[in-house]
Structures are given as C-alpha cells and as structure tokens.
Amino acid sequence: MSKRFFRNSPLLAVALLLIAAAPGPGVREKADREPIVVTSDRMEADELGKTVTFTGKVTLKKETMTLTADHLVVYYDDVDRTVREIEARDNVVVHQEGRVAMANKAVYYSKDEKIVLTGEPRIIENENHLGGERITLFMRSERSIVESGTVLFYQDKVDDKKAQRPVLKKSK
C-alpha cells in the first residue's frame, strides 16, 4: 500500500497545489479588481493588526477618484486579506468626475464602494455647494446623500429682454 501511495504522490502534490491556488468563494479574479495606488512620505505595516498606515502627503488613486489626506489607514479583512475599509483623516480632499469633496475624516467602504465624510464635510460641484453633518458619496454613480445639511444652488439670472416671448407672424 505504501508503494502505491508514493507512486501517486506527485499527482497528489499537484492536486493540492491547484486546490490551494484556486480562489475561495466570493474572491474576485485579479482581472476584475481595480488597483488602489497609495503614495505617501511614510508607510508602516502592522501584520497583527492587519493594517497599513500612511502618513505625510498621502495620495490614494482608484479609477477616476483621487483622495488626498495627511493620514490614511488601510484595514484588511481577516479571512481573505482584501481591503475592507480605508480611513483618511486631516485635510481630506476627494476629487471625482466634476466634484470635489472636503472633510476632516473620510471612510471608504470597499464592499459598498462608498465614502462617508464627517467633520465639516462639504461638496463643490460646478458652482453648487453642499454641506452637512455627514455626506455619503457613492463611487459607482453620481449620487450622494447629505444628512442635516444645507445646499447652495446658483442659478443664471433671467434677462428680461430674452425672457419675452417672440411675436409670431401669421402667415397669409
């Protein structure tokens, strides 16, 4: 029996390697994942806490979004080691397709693909300004939720001369 086991052991080893390399349930393929690129003056990794901390001139880029802050912490999921959430603090500015958001703190939730801004959050989009206690930005849509906030909209003035209806001539 031991000779038979050792004869099949190369196949067993290959099978074990394939099983170990196969993605677990709920893990997306690498081609489906978008990279998150972070640059900073300093980076510190904590394997036990499963965090990476960036300080000093931090810039995070993901697709069409750029986030800058003084301090950023990336939290990893315990099970599959993917990014669970990212917390940015101090002088947070988020640039995304025609809008700029500012706050003292921002938390990006990877699973929901949203950013929650707190600490005097505000958004400037075109000439419009939004502010509140808490603002949620949804990354996959041009949608946001402002809680306990104020909105300042600018509207073009109507020129009285242009606003008059033109007189139509009757045809004969």
N, C-alpha and C. Protein backbone atom coordinates (compact mmCIF):
# COMPACT_ATOMS: atom_id res chain seq x y z
N MET A 1 0.81 -1.19 0.00
CA MET A 1 0.00 0.00 0.00
C MET A 1 0.86 1.26 0.00
N SER A 2 1.99 1.26 0.74
CA SER A 2 2.83 2.44 0.78
C SER A 2 3.48 2.72 -0.58
N LYS A 3 3.81 1.65 -1.36
CA LYS A 3 4.37 1.86 -2.69
C LYS A 3 3.34 2.56 -3.58
N ARG A 4 2.07 2.15 -3.47
CA ARG A 4 1.02 2.74 -4.27
C ARG A 4 0.84 4.22 -3.90
N PHE A 5 0.91 4.55 -2.65
CA PHE A 5 0.75 5.93 -2.20
C PHE A 5 1.87 6.81 -2.75
N PHE A 6 3.12 6.33 -2.65
CA PHE A 6 4.23 7.12 -3.12
C PHE A 6 4.25 7.24 -4.64
N ARG A 7 3.72 6.24 -5.35
CA ARG A 7 3.65 6.30 -6.80
C ARG A 7 2.68 7.40 -7.23
N ASN A 8 1.61 7.62 -6.50
CA ASN A 8 0.61 8.64 -6.84
C ASN A 8 0.88 9.98 -6.15
N SER A 9 1.93 10.07 -5.34
CA SER A 9 2.17 11.28 -4.60
C SER A 9 2.45 12.50 -5.48
N PRO A 10 3.12 12.39 -6.66
CA PRO A 10 3.26 13.60 -7.49
C PRO A 10 1.90 14.14 -7.93
N LEU A 11 0.97 13.27 -8.26
CA LEU A 11 -0.37 13.71 -8.63
C LEU A 11 -1.07 14.36 -7.45
N LEU A 12 -0.89 13.78 -6.28
CA LEU A 12 -1.49 14.33 -5.08
C LEU A 12 -0.93 15.73 -4.79
N ALA A 13 0.38 15.89 -4.96
CA ALA A 13 1.01 17.18 -4.71
C ALA A 13 0.49 18.23 -5.69
N VAL A 14 0.36 17.88 -6.98
CA VAL A 14 -0.17 18.81 -7.98
C VAL A 14 -1.62 19.17 -7.65
N ALA A 15 -2.43 18.18 -7.26
CA ALA A 15 -3.83 18.44 -6.90
C ALA A 15 -3.91 19.38 -5.71
N LEU A 16 -3.07 19.19 -4.70
CA LEU A 16 -3.07 20.06 -3.53
C LEU A 16 -2.66 21.49 -3.91
N LEU A 17 -1.67 21.63 -4.81
CA LEU A 17 -1.27 22.96 -5.25
C LEU A 17 -2.39 23.66 -6.01
N LEU A 18 -3.12 22.93 -6.85
CA LEU A 18 -4.23 23.52 -7.59
C LEU A 18 -5.35 23.95 -6.65
N ILE A 19 -5.63 23.13 -5.66
CA ILE A 19 -6.68 23.48 -4.70
C ILE A 19 -6.27 24.72 -3.90
N ALA A 20 -5.00 24.77 -3.50
CA ALA A 20 -4.53 25.92 -2.72
C ALA A 20 -4.53 27.20 -3.55
N ALA A 21 -4.25 27.08 -4.86
CA ALA A 21 -4.20 28.26 -5.72
C ALA A 21 -5.56 28.73 -6.19
N ALA A 22 -6.58 27.87 -6.09
CA ALA A 22 -7.91 28.25 -6.55
C ALA A 22 -8.49 29.33 -5.65
N PRO A 23 -9.16 30.32 -6.25
CA PRO A 23 -9.76 31.38 -5.42
C PRO A 23 -10.90 30.83 -4.58
N GLY A 24 -11.01 31.33 -3.38
CA GLY A 24 -12.07 30.91 -2.49
C GLY A 24 -13.40 31.50 -2.92
N PRO A 25 -14.51 31.08 -2.30
CA PRO A 25 -15.80 31.63 -2.66
C PRO A 25 -15.86 33.12 -2.35
N GLY A 26 -16.37 33.88 -3.28
CA GLY A 26 -16.52 35.31 -3.07
C GLY A 26 -15.29 36.12 -3.41
N VAL A 27 -14.19 35.45 -3.79
CA VAL A 27 -12.97 36.17 -4.16
C VAL A 27 -13.00 36.44 -5.65
N ARG A 28 -12.87 37.70 -6.03
CA ARG A 28 -12.89 38.06 -7.44
C ARG A 28 -11.55 37.75 -8.08
N GLU A 29 -11.57 37.48 -9.37
CA GLU A 29 -10.35 37.27 -10.12
C GLU A 29 -9.54 38.57 -10.16
N LYS A 30 -8.23 38.47 -10.37
CA LYS A 30 -7.39 39.66 -10.41
C LYS A 30 -7.81 40.61 -11.52
N ALA A 31 -8.26 40.08 -12.64
CA ALA A 31 -8.65 40.94 -13.76
C ALA A 31 -9.87 41.79 -13.42
N ASP A 32 -10.71 41.33 -12.48
CA ASP A 32 -11.92 42.06 -12.10
C ASP A 32 -11.65 43.14 -11.07
N ARG A 33 -10.52 43.09 -10.40
CA ARG A 33 -10.23 44.04 -9.34
C ARG A 33 -9.51 45.26 -9.89
N GLU A 34 -9.89 46.44 -9.39
CA GLU A 34 -9.20 47.66 -9.76
C GLU A 34 -8.10 47.92 -8.75
N PRO A 35 -6.94 48.35 -9.21
CA PRO A 35 -5.86 48.61 -8.24
C PRO A 35 -6.12 49.91 -7.47
N ILE A 36 -5.67 49.92 -6.24
CA ILE A 36 -5.68 51.12 -5.41
C ILE A 36 -4.21 51.48 -5.22
N VAL A 37 -3.82 52.68 -5.66
CA VAL A 37 -2.42 53.10 -5.57
C VAL A 37 -2.32 54.19 -4.51
N VAL A 38 -1.46 53.96 -3.51
CA VAL A 38 -1.27 54.93 -2.43
C VAL A 38 0.19 55.36 -2.41
N THR A 39 0.40 56.67 -2.34
CA THR A 39 1.75 57.20 -2.15
C THR A 39 1.74 58.08 -0.91
N SER A 40 2.88 58.13 -0.22
CA SER A 40 2.98 58.94 0.99
C SER A 40 4.45 59.11 1.37
N ASP A 41 4.69 59.95 2.38
CA ASP A 41 6.05 60.13 2.88
C ASP A 41 6.51 58.93 3.71
N ARG A 42 5.55 58.28 4.38
CA ARG A 42 5.90 57.17 5.29
C ARG A 42 4.80 56.12 5.28
N MET A 43 5.20 54.83 5.36
CA MET A 43 4.26 53.72 5.43
C MET A 43 4.69 52.78 6.55
N GLU A 44 3.71 52.31 7.32
CA GLU A 44 4.00 51.38 8.41
C GLU A 44 2.99 50.25 8.37
N ALA A 45 3.45 49.00 8.25
CA ALA A 45 2.57 47.83 8.19
C ALA A 45 2.54 47.14 9.54
N ASP A 46 1.35 46.73 9.97
CA ASP A 46 1.15 46.00 11.22
C ASP A 46 0.45 44.69 10.89
N GLU A 47 1.23 43.62 10.80
CA GLU A 47 0.67 42.31 10.43
C GLU A 47 -0.35 41.81 11.44
N LEU A 48 -0.08 42.01 12.73
CA LEU A 48 -1.00 41.51 13.75
C LEU A 48 -2.32 42.27 13.72
N GLY A 49 -2.26 43.58 13.54
CA GLY A 49 -3.47 44.39 13.48
C GLY A 49 -4.10 44.39 12.10
N LYS A 50 -3.40 43.81 11.13
CA LYS A 50 -3.88 43.74 9.76
C LYS A 50 -4.21 45.12 9.20
N THR A 51 -3.27 46.04 9.42
CA THR A 51 -3.44 47.41 8.93
C THR A 51 -2.16 47.89 8.28
N VAL A 52 -2.31 48.87 7.40
CA VAL A 52 -1.17 49.59 6.85
C VAL A 52 -1.48 51.07 7.04
N THR A 53 -0.55 51.82 7.65
CA THR A 53 -0.76 53.23 7.95
C THR A 53 0.17 54.07 7.08
N PHE A 54 -0.41 55.08 6.43
CA PHE A 54 0.34 56.00 5.59
C PHE A 54 0.25 57.39 6.22
N THR A 55 1.38 58.10 6.28
CA THR A 55 1.38 59.46 6.83
C THR A 55 2.20 60.38 5.94
N GLY A 56 1.80 61.65 5.93
CA GLY A 56 2.54 62.67 5.21
C GLY A 56 2.27 62.69 3.73
N LYS A 57 1.58 63.72 3.26
CA LYS A 57 1.29 63.89 1.83
C LYS A 57 0.75 62.62 1.19
N VAL A 58 -0.32 62.09 1.76
CA VAL A 58 -0.91 60.83 1.28
C VAL A 58 -1.80 61.10 0.07
N THR A 59 -1.62 60.30 -0.98
CA THR A 59 -2.47 60.36 -2.16
C THR A 59 -2.91 58.95 -2.49
N LEU A 60 -4.23 58.77 -2.61
CA LEU A 60 -4.81 57.48 -2.98
C LEU A 60 -5.52 57.66 -4.32
N LYS A 61 -5.23 56.77 -5.27
CA LYS A 61 -5.88 56.82 -6.59
C LYS A 61 -6.56 55.49 -6.86
N LYS A 62 -7.83 55.59 -7.25
CA LYS A 62 -8.62 54.41 -7.61
C LYS A 62 -9.54 54.82 -8.75
N GLU A 63 -9.30 54.25 -9.92
CA GLU A 63 -10.07 54.58 -11.12
C GLU A 63 -10.10 56.08 -11.34
N THR A 64 -11.29 56.70 -11.32
CA THR A 64 -11.42 58.13 -11.60
C THR A 64 -11.41 58.98 -10.33
N MET A 65 -11.12 58.38 -9.19
CA MET A 65 -11.16 59.09 -7.91
C MET A 65 -9.74 59.27 -7.37
N THR A 66 -9.48 60.48 -6.85
CA THR A 66 -8.21 60.76 -6.17
C THR A 66 -8.53 61.33 -4.80
N LEU A 67 -7.92 60.77 -3.77
CA LEU A 67 -8.13 61.23 -2.40
C LEU A 67 -6.77 61.65 -1.85
N THR A 68 -6.75 62.83 -1.22
CA THR A 68 -5.53 63.27 -0.54
C THR A 68 -5.85 63.51 0.94
N ALA A 69 -4.88 63.28 1.80
CA ALA A 69 -5.06 63.47 3.25
C ALA A 69 -3.70 63.50 3.91
N ASP A 70 -3.69 63.83 5.20
CA ASP A 70 -2.45 63.82 5.97
C ASP A 70 -2.16 62.44 6.54
N HIS A 71 -3.22 61.65 6.75
CA HIS A 71 -3.09 60.36 7.45
C HIS A 71 -4.10 59.38 6.85
N LEU A 72 -3.67 58.15 6.57
CA LEU A 72 -4.57 57.16 5.98
C LEU A 72 -4.26 55.78 6.55
N VAL A 73 -5.30 55.03 6.91
CA VAL A 73 -5.13 53.67 7.43
C VAL A 73 -5.97 52.72 6.58
N VAL A 74 -5.33 51.65 6.08
CA VAL A 74 -6.00 50.61 5.30
C VAL A 74 -6.22 49.42 6.22
N TYR A 75 -7.49 48.97 6.31
CA TYR A 75 -7.85 47.82 7.14
C TYR A 75 -8.16 46.64 6.24
N TYR A 76 -7.56 45.49 6.54
CA TYR A 76 -7.75 44.28 5.74
C TYR A 76 -8.73 43.34 6.40
N ASP A 77 -9.44 42.58 5.58
CA ASP A 77 -10.37 41.56 6.05
C ASP A 77 -9.55 40.40 6.61
N ASP A 78 -9.98 39.83 7.74
CA ASP A 78 -9.26 38.74 8.38
C ASP A 78 -9.25 37.47 7.55
N VAL A 79 -10.32 37.22 6.82
CA VAL A 79 -10.47 35.95 6.11
C VAL A 79 -9.72 35.93 4.78
N ASP A 80 -10.06 36.84 3.88
CA ASP A 80 -9.49 36.77 2.53
C ASP A 80 -8.42 37.82 2.25
N ARG A 81 -8.03 38.61 3.26
CA ARG A 81 -6.95 39.59 3.17
C ARG A 81 -7.18 40.65 2.09
N THR A 82 -8.44 40.94 1.77
CA THR A 82 -8.76 42.03 0.85
C THR A 82 -8.98 43.31 1.66
N VAL A 83 -8.98 44.43 0.99
CA VAL A 83 -9.19 45.71 1.67
C VAL A 83 -10.65 45.79 2.13
N ARG A 84 -10.85 45.94 3.42
CA ARG A 84 -12.19 46.05 4.00
C ARG A 84 -12.66 47.50 4.00
N GLU A 85 -11.79 48.37 4.52
CA GLU A 85 -12.11 49.79 4.53
C GLU A 85 -10.82 50.60 4.63
N ILE A 86 -10.95 51.87 4.24
CA ILE A 86 -9.82 52.79 4.28
C ILE A 86 -10.30 54.05 4.99
N GLU A 87 -9.55 54.46 6.01
CA GLU A 87 -9.91 55.66 6.78
C GLU A 87 -8.86 56.75 6.55
N ALA A 88 -9.33 57.91 6.10
CA ALA A 88 -8.46 59.06 5.88
C ALA A 88 -8.82 60.14 6.89
N ARG A 89 -7.79 60.83 7.43
CA ARG A 89 -8.03 61.88 8.42
C ARG A 89 -7.18 63.10 8.10
N ASP A 90 -7.70 64.24 8.50
CA ASP A 90 -7.00 65.52 8.43
C ASP A 90 -6.78 65.98 6.99
N ASN A 91 -7.42 67.12 6.68
CA ASN A 91 -7.30 67.75 5.36
C ASN A 91 -7.65 66.80 4.21
N VAL A 92 -8.77 66.11 4.35
CA VAL A 92 -9.20 65.13 3.34
C VAL A 92 -9.85 65.87 2.17
N VAL A 93 -9.40 65.56 0.96
CA VAL A 93 -9.98 66.11 -0.27
C VAL A 93 -10.18 64.95 -1.24
N VAL A 94 -11.41 64.83 -1.75
CA VAL A 94 -11.74 63.76 -2.71
C VAL A 94 -12.13 64.42 -4.03
N HIS A 95 -11.41 64.09 -5.10
CA HIS A 95 -11.72 64.58 -6.45
C HIS A 95 -12.32 63.42 -7.23
N GLN A 96 -13.50 63.65 -7.79
CA GLN A 96 -14.13 62.60 -8.59
C GLN A 96 -15.04 63.23 -9.64
N GLU A 97 -14.68 63.08 -10.90
CA GLU A 97 -15.50 63.46 -12.04
C GLU A 97 -16.38 64.70 -11.83
N GLY A 98 -15.76 65.86 -11.78
CA GLY A 98 -16.52 67.10 -11.72
C GLY A 98 -16.96 67.54 -10.34
N ARG A 99 -16.61 66.80 -9.30
CA ARG A 99 -16.97 67.24 -7.96
C ARG A 99 -15.77 67.09 -7.03
N VAL A 100 -15.72 67.99 -6.06
CA VAL A 100 -14.66 67.97 -5.06
C VAL A 100 -15.34 67.93 -3.70
N ALA A 101 -14.92 66.98 -2.87
CA ALA A 101 -15.46 66.87 -1.51
C ALA A 101 -14.33 67.08 -0.52
N MET A 102 -14.64 67.77 0.58
CA MET A 102 -13.65 68.04 1.61
C MET A 102 -14.24 67.70 2.98
N ALA A 103 -13.38 67.24 3.88
CA ALA A 103 -13.82 66.89 5.23
C ALA A 103 -12.60 66.71 6.13
N ASN A 104 -12.87 66.52 7.41
CA ASN A 104 -11.80 66.19 8.35
C ASN A 104 -11.54 64.69 8.40
N LYS A 105 -12.58 63.90 8.03
CA LYS A 105 -12.45 62.45 8.06
C LYS A 105 -13.27 61.84 6.93
N ALA A 106 -12.73 60.80 6.31
CA ALA A 106 -13.44 60.06 5.27
C ALA A 106 -13.17 58.57 5.46
N VAL A 107 -14.22 57.76 5.31
CA VAL A 107 -14.06 56.31 5.39
C VAL A 107 -14.61 55.71 4.11
N TYR A 108 -13.75 54.95 3.40
CA TYR A 108 -14.13 54.26 2.18
C TYR A 108 -14.47 52.83 2.54
N TYR A 109 -15.69 52.39 2.20
CA TYR A 109 -16.13 51.02 2.45
C TYR A 109 -16.05 50.26 1.13
N SER A 110 -15.11 49.32 1.07
CA SER A 110 -14.81 48.61 -0.17
C SER A 110 -15.99 47.79 -0.68
N LYS A 111 -16.66 47.10 0.19
CA LYS A 111 -17.77 46.23 -0.22
C LYS A 111 -18.91 47.03 -0.86
N ASP A 112 -19.25 48.17 -0.28
CA ASP A 112 -20.35 49.00 -0.78
C ASP A 112 -19.89 50.05 -1.79
N GLU A 113 -18.58 50.20 -1.94
CA GLU A 113 -17.98 51.21 -2.82
C GLU A 113 -18.58 52.59 -2.57
N LYS A 114 -18.45 53.02 -1.31
CA LYS A 114 -18.94 54.34 -0.92
C LYS A 114 -17.95 54.98 0.03
N ILE A 115 -18.00 56.33 0.09
CA ILE A 115 -17.16 57.09 1.00
C ILE A 115 -18.09 57.90 1.91
N VAL A 116 -17.88 57.81 3.21
CA VAL A 116 -18.65 58.57 4.19
C VAL A 116 -17.74 59.66 4.75
N LEU A 117 -18.16 60.91 4.55
CA LEU A 117 -17.40 62.08 5.00
C LEU A 117 -18.02 62.65 6.27
N THR A 118 -17.19 62.94 7.27
CA THR A 118 -17.65 63.57 8.50
C THR A 118 -16.63 64.63 8.90
N GLY A 119 -17.00 65.47 9.87
CA GLY A 119 -16.09 66.52 10.31
C GLY A 119 -16.12 67.68 9.33
N GLU A 120 -17.20 68.45 9.37
CA GLU A 120 -17.40 69.59 8.48
C GLU A 120 -17.29 69.21 7.00
N PRO A 121 -18.02 68.18 6.56
CA PRO A 121 -17.92 67.78 5.16
C PRO A 121 -18.65 68.76 4.24
N ARG A 122 -18.12 68.90 3.04
CA ARG A 122 -18.76 69.75 2.04
C ARG A 122 -18.37 69.27 0.65
N ILE A 123 -19.24 69.54 -0.31
CA ILE A 123 -19.01 69.17 -1.70
C ILE A 123 -19.17 70.41 -2.56
N ILE A 124 -18.29 70.57 -3.52
CA ILE A 124 -18.42 71.63 -4.52
C ILE A 124 -18.55 70.92 -5.86
N GLU A 125 -19.68 71.16 -6.51
CA GLU A 125 -19.94 70.57 -7.81
C GLU A 125 -20.41 71.69 -8.73
N ASN A 126 -19.59 71.97 -9.75
CA ASN A 126 -19.81 73.16 -10.59
C ASN A 126 -19.77 74.37 -9.66
N GLU A 127 -20.83 75.15 -9.60
CA GLU A 127 -20.86 76.29 -8.67
C GLU A 127 -21.70 75.99 -7.43
N ASN A 128 -22.25 74.82 -7.35
CA ASN A 128 -23.14 74.45 -6.25
C ASN A 128 -22.32 73.95 -5.06
N HIS A 129 -22.78 74.29 -3.85
CA HIS A 129 -22.10 73.89 -2.62
C HIS A 129 -23.08 73.13 -1.73
N LEU A 130 -22.62 72.00 -1.19
CA LEU A 130 -23.41 71.21 -0.26
C LEU A 130 -22.59 71.01 1.00
N GLY A 131 -23.25 71.07 2.12
CA GLY A 131 -22.56 70.84 3.38
C GLY A 131 -23.51 70.19 4.37
N GLY A 132 -22.99 69.53 5.36
CA GLY A 132 -23.84 68.89 6.36
C GLY A 132 -23.02 68.24 7.45
N GLU A 133 -23.70 67.43 8.26
CA GLU A 133 -23.00 66.70 9.33
C GLU A 133 -22.31 65.46 8.79
N ARG A 134 -22.94 64.87 7.76
CA ARG A 134 -22.43 63.61 7.20
C ARG A 134 -22.82 63.57 5.73
N ILE A 135 -21.85 63.26 4.85
CA ILE A 135 -22.12 63.14 3.42
C ILE A 135 -21.62 61.78 2.96
N THR A 136 -22.47 61.07 2.22
CA THR A 136 -22.10 59.77 1.65
C THR A 136 -22.00 59.91 0.14
N LEU A 137 -20.83 59.54 -0.41
CA LEU A 137 -20.60 59.56 -1.85
C LEU A 137 -20.60 58.12 -2.36
N PHE A 138 -21.36 57.85 -3.40
CA PHE A 138 -21.39 56.52 -3.99
C PHE A 138 -20.48 56.51 -5.22
N MET A 139 -19.50 55.63 -5.23
CA MET A 139 -18.46 55.63 -6.24
C MET A 139 -18.95 55.19 -7.62
N ARG A 140 -19.90 54.31 -7.68
CA ARG A 140 -20.37 53.76 -8.96
C ARG A 140 -21.46 54.60 -9.62
N SER A 141 -21.90 55.65 -8.95
CA SER A 141 -22.93 56.51 -9.53
C SER A 141 -22.65 57.95 -9.11
N GLU A 142 -23.24 58.87 -9.80
CA GLU A 142 -23.08 60.27 -9.43
C GLU A 142 -24.16 60.64 -8.41
N ARG A 143 -24.14 59.94 -7.29
CA ARG A 143 -25.16 60.11 -6.27
C ARG A 143 -24.49 60.38 -4.94
N SER A 144 -25.13 61.22 -4.14
CA SER A 144 -24.63 61.48 -2.80
C SER A 144 -25.80 61.75 -1.87
N ILE A 145 -25.59 61.51 -0.59
CA ILE A 145 -26.59 61.77 0.44
C ILE A 145 -25.99 62.76 1.43
N VAL A 146 -26.69 63.85 1.67
CA VAL A 146 -26.27 64.86 2.63
C VAL A 146 -27.23 64.80 3.81
N GLU A 147 -26.70 64.57 5.01
CA GLU A 147 -27.53 64.50 6.21
C GLU A 147 -27.37 65.78 7.03
N SER A 148 -28.50 66.32 7.50
CA SER A 148 -28.53 67.55 8.30
C SER A 148 -27.72 68.64 7.63
N GLY A 149 -28.05 68.91 6.38
CA GLY A 149 -27.20 69.81 5.64
C GLY A 149 -27.89 71.00 5.02
N THR A 150 -27.07 71.78 4.36
CA THR A 150 -27.55 72.93 3.61
C THR A 150 -27.01 72.82 2.19
N VAL A 151 -27.79 73.36 1.27
CA VAL A 151 -27.41 73.32 -0.13
C VAL A 151 -27.49 74.74 -0.68
N LEU A 152 -26.49 75.13 -1.41
CA LEU A 152 -26.45 76.45 -2.03
C LEU A 152 -26.36 76.25 -3.53
N PHE A 153 -27.45 76.57 -4.24
CA PHE A 153 -27.51 76.43 -5.70
C PHE A 153 -27.39 77.80 -6.33
N TYR A 154 -26.65 77.86 -7.40
CA TYR A 154 -26.57 79.09 -8.19
C TYR A 154 -27.39 78.89 -9.45
N GLN A 155 -28.08 79.95 -9.81
CA GLN A 155 -28.96 79.88 -10.97
C GLN A 155 -28.68 81.11 -11.82
N ASP A 156 -28.67 80.94 -13.13
CA ASP A 156 -28.45 82.08 -14.02
C ASP A 156 -29.59 83.06 -13.89
N LYS A 157 -29.24 84.35 -13.93
CA LYS A 157 -30.27 85.38 -13.91
C LYS A 157 -30.98 85.40 -15.25
N VAL A 158 -32.25 85.68 -15.20
CA VAL A 158 -33.04 85.73 -16.41
C VAL A 158 -33.03 87.16 -16.94
N ASP A 159 -32.60 87.31 -18.17
CA ASP A 159 -32.59 88.62 -18.82
C ASP A 159 -34.01 88.91 -19.30
N ASP A 160 -34.59 90.03 -18.83
CA ASP A 160 -35.98 90.35 -19.18
C ASP A 160 -36.20 90.44 -20.68
N LYS A 161 -35.24 90.94 -21.40
CA LYS A 161 -35.39 91.07 -22.85
C LYS A 161 -35.42 89.71 -23.53
N LYS A 162 -34.57 88.79 -23.04
CA LYS A 162 -34.55 87.45 -23.62
C LYS A 162 -35.74 86.62 -23.16
N ALA A 163 -36.29 86.95 -22.01
CA ALA A 163 -37.39 86.17 -21.46
C ALA A 163 -38.71 86.45 -22.16
N GLN A 164 -38.83 87.59 -22.87
CA GLN A 164 -40.08 87.90 -23.57
C GLN A 164 -40.28 86.90 -24.71
N ARG A 165 -41.51 86.52 -24.88
CA ARG A 165 -41.81 85.59 -25.96
C ARG A 165 -41.75 86.31 -27.30
N PRO A 166 -41.22 85.66 -28.29
CA PRO A 166 -41.18 86.28 -29.61
C PRO A 166 -42.59 86.35 -30.19
N VAL A 167 -42.83 87.39 -30.97
CA VAL A 167 -44.13 87.56 -31.61
C VAL A 167 -44.10 86.79 -32.93
N LEU A 168 -45.05 85.90 -33.07
CA LEU A 168 -45.12 85.11 -34.29
C LEU A 168 -46.01 85.82 -35.30
N LYS A 169 -45.53 85.88 -36.51
CA LYS A 169 -46.31 86.50 -37.59
C LYS A 169 -47.25 85.46 -38.15
N LYS A 170 -48.44 85.89 -38.43
CA LYS A 170 -49.43 84.99 -39.02
C LYS A 170 -49.16 84.90 -40.52
N SER A 171 -49.21 83.71 -40.99
CA SER A 171 -49.00 83.51 -42.42
C SER A 171 -50.31 83.76 -43.18
N LYS A 172 -50.24 84.28 -44.38
CA LYS A 172 -51.43 84.60 -45.16
C LYS A 172 -51.85 83.47 -46.03
